[in-house]
């Protein structure tokens, strides 16, 4: 069975967020899917099967199945449109997190994701101790979103992953207003068994709406300041957040079951 490794939200290999993608004829047992994800050794492995006019899509870390994953969705759409159905310019996925549409626009792939509603919460010492920095504002949606004073603070965070895992929210997104970009962020994901998400699509369904409202504009260019780095082109449309990015194929391999 063929497996692809794609670097998403970048146009250079060794940057962005790597995802493994398997396009299958039929579903394998969940235990097998989980074992493949463990063996692959990347943050997420995407499995997809065409069902009718759309594809069912599932994502696994080495620890669990996810309800929503941006970069592995982009990677899967990239593989389908490049190698399986090059005549199409959009694909619809049925996922645990609902229906997700991806549209190819020039050399980017734009994901239609739900926006997460943010409720402002009190900044606590536990939050600040977990990242080793002062926090200006904090908001809770699916994830915890913390706003700090500068891109340099984001880059130089000293995360304590045990403390982060004890905070509210599925993920922890830390962000600041950018200089070259509208915003800069990092995303920490110890509850999923991945310490830092190199470029997090679903996390930007909190980050893009926040900065869109604060800056008073729909289109937000976001830089993920992880070790690998990545760029997302966001557009906030109320209930929907659109996230676009590039993708590049790193490798193709055969899995022998």
Protein backbone atom coordinates (compact mmCIF):
# COMPACT_ATOMS: atom_id res chain seq x y z
CA UNK A 1 0.00 0.00 0.00
CA UNK A 2 1.38 3.39 -1.02
CA UNK A 3 2.10 6.05 1.60
CA UNK A 4 3.00 9.69 0.91
CA UNK A 5 4.71 12.14 3.24
CA UNK A 6 3.77 15.74 2.55
CA UNK A 7 5.06 18.94 4.13
CA UNK A 8 2.01 21.20 4.50
CA UNK A 9 1.73 24.99 4.85
CA UNK A 10 5.06 25.43 3.09
CA UNK A 11 6.58 25.21 -0.39
CA UNK A 12 9.91 23.85 0.88
CA UNK A 13 10.70 20.37 2.16
CA UNK A 14 11.90 20.19 5.77
CA UNK A 15 9.57 23.07 6.64
CA UNK A 16 5.87 23.28 7.43
CA UNK A 17 4.09 20.37 9.10
CA UNK A 18 4.71 16.83 7.82
CA UNK A 19 1.79 14.43 7.42
CA UNK A 20 1.58 10.92 6.06
CA UNK A 21 -1.28 10.27 3.63
CA UNK A 22 -2.76 6.90 2.65
CA UNK A 23 -5.41 6.75 -0.08
CA UNK A 24 -7.14 3.37 0.35
CA UNK A 25 -9.74 1.29 -1.48
CA UNK A 26 -11.41 0.19 1.76
CA UNK A 27 -11.10 0.70 5.48
CA UNK A 28 -8.71 -1.32 7.57
CA UNK A 29 -9.37 -2.15 11.22
CA UNK A 30 -8.91 0.79 13.60
CA UNK A 31 -6.10 -1.05 15.38
CA UNK A 32 -4.20 -1.31 12.08
CA UNK A 33 -4.73 2.38 11.33
CA UNK A 34 -3.42 3.28 14.76
CA UNK A 35 -0.39 1.01 14.36
CA UNK A 36 0.43 2.54 10.97
CA UNK A 37 0.30 6.01 12.54
CA UNK A 38 2.63 4.87 15.31
CA UNK A 39 5.04 3.30 12.81
CA UNK A 40 5.07 6.35 10.54
CA UNK A 41 6.57 8.52 13.25
CA UNK A 42 5.10 11.85 12.02
CA UNK A 43 2.67 13.93 14.05
CA UNK A 44 -0.42 12.88 12.05
CA UNK A 45 -1.29 10.20 9.52
CA UNK A 46 -4.34 10.75 7.30
CA UNK A 47 -6.38 7.87 5.91
CA UNK A 48 -8.97 8.44 3.20
CA UNK A 49 -11.42 6.30 1.22
CA UNK A 50 -13.71 7.57 -1.54
CA UNK A 51 -17.36 7.06 -0.63
CA UNK A 52 -19.79 8.27 -3.31
CA UNK A 53 -18.98 11.79 -4.48
CA UNK A 54 -16.81 12.64 -1.48
CA UNK A 55 -14.04 11.12 0.62
CA UNK A 56 -14.17 9.95 4.20
CA UNK A 57 -11.10 11.23 6.01
CA UNK A 58 -9.65 10.18 9.37
CA UNK A 59 -6.55 11.41 11.21
CA UNK A 60 -4.43 9.61 13.80
CA UNK A 61 -1.53 10.70 15.96
CA UNK A 62 0.68 8.01 17.51
CA UNK A 63 -1.68 8.21 20.52
CA UNK A 64 -5.26 8.74 19.33
CA UNK A 65 -7.72 9.63 16.57
CA UNK A 66 -8.46 13.34 16.05
CA UNK A 67 -11.72 15.14 15.37
CA UNK A 68 -10.14 17.90 13.26
CA UNK A 69 -6.72 18.37 11.67
CA UNK A 70 -5.79 21.11 9.22
CA UNK A 71 -2.36 20.27 7.84
CA UNK A 72 -3.14 16.59 7.20
CA UNK A 73 -6.34 17.63 5.40
CA UNK A 74 -4.36 19.99 3.17
CA UNK A 75 -1.81 17.22 2.55
CA UNK A 76 -4.54 14.74 1.58
CA UNK A 77 -6.20 17.19 -0.81
CA UNK A 78 -2.79 17.90 -2.37
CA UNK A 79 -2.18 14.17 -3.01
CA UNK A 80 -5.67 13.54 -4.39
CA UNK A 81 -5.60 16.49 -6.79
CA UNK A 82 -2.03 15.87 -7.90
CA UNK A 83 -1.99 12.07 -8.32
CA UNK A 84 -5.51 10.62 -8.20
CA UNK A 85 -7.94 13.17 -9.66
CA UNK A 86 -5.85 15.90 -11.33
CA UNK A 87 -8.89 17.12 -13.25
CA UNK A 88 -10.66 18.39 -10.10
CA UNK A 89 -10.02 21.66 -8.27
CA UNK A 90 -11.98 20.92 -5.10
CA UNK A 91 -12.65 17.95 -2.85
CA UNK A 92 -15.10 17.37 0.01
CA UNK A 93 -14.18 15.30 3.05
CA UNK A 94 -16.53 13.72 5.57
CA UNK A 95 -14.79 13.76 8.96
CA UNK A 96 -15.47 13.36 12.68
CA UNK A 97 -15.42 17.16 12.86
CA UNK A 98 -18.01 17.55 10.09
CA UNK A 99 -17.81 18.20 6.35
CA UNK A 100 -14.62 19.91 5.17
CA UNK A 101 -14.14 21.30 1.66
CA UNK A 102 -10.73 22.04 0.14
CA UNK A 103 -10.39 24.17 -2.99
CA UNK A 104 -7.25 24.57 -5.10
CA UNK A 105 -6.56 28.23 -5.88
CA UNK A 106 -3.42 28.72 -8.00
CA UNK A 107 -0.69 26.88 -6.06
CA UNK A 108 -2.49 26.99 -2.70
CA UNK A 109 -5.10 24.75 -1.12
CA UNK A 110 -7.84 26.51 0.85
CA UNK A 111 -9.60 24.67 3.68
CA UNK A 112 -13.12 25.61 4.77
CA UNK A 113 -13.14 25.06 8.54
CA UNK A 114 -15.49 26.02 11.37
CA UNK A 115 -14.63 29.07 13.46
CA UNK A 116 -14.39 28.50 17.20
CA UNK A 117 -16.24 30.97 19.39
CA UNK A 118 -13.92 32.58 21.92
CA UNK A 119 -14.86 33.52 25.47
CA UNK A 120 -12.45 35.74 27.37
CA UNK A 121 -11.21 34.15 30.59
CA UNK A 122 -9.02 35.31 33.45
CA UNK A 123 -5.26 35.08 32.97
CA UNK A 124 -3.89 32.83 35.70
CA UNK A 125 -0.47 32.19 37.17
CA UNK A 126 -0.80 28.56 35.99
CA UNK A 127 -1.10 29.77 32.39
CA UNK A 128 1.94 32.02 32.69
CA UNK A 129 4.00 29.37 34.49
CA UNK A 130 3.18 26.87 31.74
CA UNK A 131 4.86 29.00 29.04
CA UNK A 132 7.31 31.08 31.08
CA UNK A 133 5.94 34.43 29.92
CA UNK A 134 3.49 37.19 30.85
CA UNK A 135 0.09 36.89 29.17
CA UNK A 136 -1.95 39.95 28.20
CA UNK A 137 -5.28 38.23 27.43
CA UNK A 138 -6.67 34.70 27.43
CA UNK A 139 -9.63 33.19 25.60
CA UNK A 140 -11.23 29.75 25.64
CA UNK A 141 -12.87 28.02 22.68
CA UNK A 142 -12.10 24.41 21.86
CA UNK A 143 -8.51 25.46 22.67
CA UNK A 144 -6.99 27.94 25.06
CA UNK A 145 -5.70 31.05 23.26
CA UNK A 146 -3.17 33.26 25.06
CA UNK A 147 -2.05 36.64 23.72
CA UNK A 148 1.44 37.93 24.55
CA UNK A 149 3.25 41.18 23.84
CA UNK A 150 5.56 40.43 20.88
CA UNK A 151 6.72 37.90 18.27
CA UNK A 152 9.99 37.58 20.18
CA UNK A 153 8.09 36.43 23.26
CA UNK A 154 6.31 33.77 21.19
CA UNK A 155 9.59 32.55 19.68
CA UNK A 156 11.36 32.42 23.06
CA UNK A 157 8.63 30.63 25.06
CA UNK A 158 9.82 28.01 27.54
CA UNK A 159 6.89 25.55 27.60
CA UNK A 160 6.37 23.18 30.51
CA UNK A 161 4.35 20.46 28.80
CA UNK A 162 3.08 18.83 32.00
CA UNK A 163 1.69 22.19 33.12
CA UNK A 164 0.24 22.86 29.67
CA UNK A 165 -1.53 19.49 29.72
CA UNK A 166 -3.25 20.52 32.97
CA UNK A 167 -4.77 23.69 31.45
CA UNK A 168 -8.28 23.99 30.04
CA UNK A 169 -8.74 23.49 26.31
CA UNK A 170 -7.65 20.80 23.91
CA UNK A 171 -4.61 22.70 22.62
CA UNK A 172 -2.72 25.77 23.78
CA UNK A 173 -2.22 28.50 21.18
CA UNK A 174 0.07 31.41 22.07
CA UNK A 175 0.01 34.39 19.73
CA UNK A 176 1.21 37.97 19.28
CA UNK A 177 0.78 40.71 16.70
CA UNK A 178 3.36 40.28 13.97
CA UNK A 179 5.62 42.60 12.03
CA UNK A 180 6.20 40.94 8.65
CA UNK A 181 2.98 38.95 9.17
CA UNK A 182 -0.30 39.92 10.82
CA UNK A 183 0.31 37.50 13.66
CA UNK A 184 2.85 35.02 15.00
CA UNK A 185 1.97 31.94 17.01
CA UNK A 186 3.00 28.60 18.46
CA UNK A 187 0.71 25.68 19.30
CA UNK A 188 1.32 23.12 22.04
CA UNK A 189 -0.47 19.77 21.95
CA UNK A 190 0.66 17.44 24.76
CA UNK A 191 -2.87 16.08 25.25
CA UNK A 192 -2.59 14.54 21.76
CA UNK A 193 0.81 13.05 22.49
CA UNK A 194 2.57 15.64 20.29
CA UNK A 195 4.40 18.29 22.30
CA UNK A 196 4.32 21.09 19.71
CA UNK A 197 2.26 21.20 16.53
CA UNK A 198 4.64 22.54 13.88
CA UNK A 199 1.86 24.28 11.91
CA UNK A 200 -1.65 23.90 13.31
CA UNK A 201 -4.64 24.43 11.04
CA UNK A 202 -7.38 23.88 13.63
CA UNK A 203 -5.60 26.14 16.12
CA UNK A 204 -5.84 28.94 13.58
CA UNK A 205 -9.63 28.60 13.69
CA UNK A 206 -9.13 30.47 16.99
CA UNK A 207 -6.15 32.62 16.00
CA UNK A 208 -7.51 33.99 12.69
CA UNK A 209 -10.93 35.01 14.13
CA UNK A 210 -9.21 36.75 17.07
CA UNK A 211 -6.83 38.79 14.91
CA UNK A 212 -9.48 39.48 12.28
CA UNK A 213 -11.67 41.14 14.91
CA UNK A 214 -8.78 42.92 16.62
CA UNK A 215 -7.23 44.24 13.41
CA UNK A 216 -10.55 44.93 11.71
CA UNK A 217 -9.93 42.95 8.53
CA UNK A 218 -10.99 39.59 7.11
CA UNK A 219 -7.70 38.43 5.60
CA UNK A 220 -4.99 37.43 8.05
CA UNK A 221 -1.50 36.20 7.14
CA UNK A 222 -0.24 34.04 9.98
CA UNK A 223 3.27 32.80 10.74
CA UNK A 224 3.75 29.70 12.89
CA UNK A 225 7.03 30.18 14.74
CA UNK A 226 7.78 26.52 15.41
CA UNK A 227 11.16 24.96 14.72
CA UNK A 228 10.07 24.12 11.15
CA UNK A 229 7.94 27.28 10.62
CA UNK A 230 4.99 27.68 8.28
CA UNK A 231 2.66 30.26 6.76
CA UNK A 232 -1.14 30.22 6.68
CA UNK A 233 -3.34 32.58 4.67
CA UNK A 234 -6.53 32.97 6.68
CA UNK A 235 -9.89 34.54 5.96
CA UNK A 236 -12.50 34.99 8.66
CA UNK A 237 -16.12 34.72 7.52
CA UNK A 238 -18.03 34.49 10.79
CA UNK A 239 -19.04 30.85 11.28
CA UNK A 240 -16.32 29.75 8.85
CA UNK A 241 -12.58 30.27 8.85
CA UNK A 242 -10.74 29.65 5.57
CA UNK A 243 -7.11 28.58 5.75
CA UNK A 244 -4.92 28.39 2.66
CA UNK A 245 -1.39 27.16 2.22
CA UNK A 246 1.10 25.41 -0.01
CA UNK A 247 2.22 21.79 0.12
CA UNK A 248 5.21 19.84 -1.15
CA UNK A 249 5.81 16.10 -1.49
CA UNK A 250 8.72 14.82 0.57
CA UNK A 251 8.55 11.06 -0.05
CA UNK A 252 6.60 8.14 -1.45
CA UNK A 253 6.89 4.68 0.08
CA UNK A 254 5.26 1.24 0.15
CA UNK A 255 3.72 -0.15 3.33
CA UNK A 256 3.79 -3.95 3.57
CA UNK A 257 1.05 -5.38 5.76
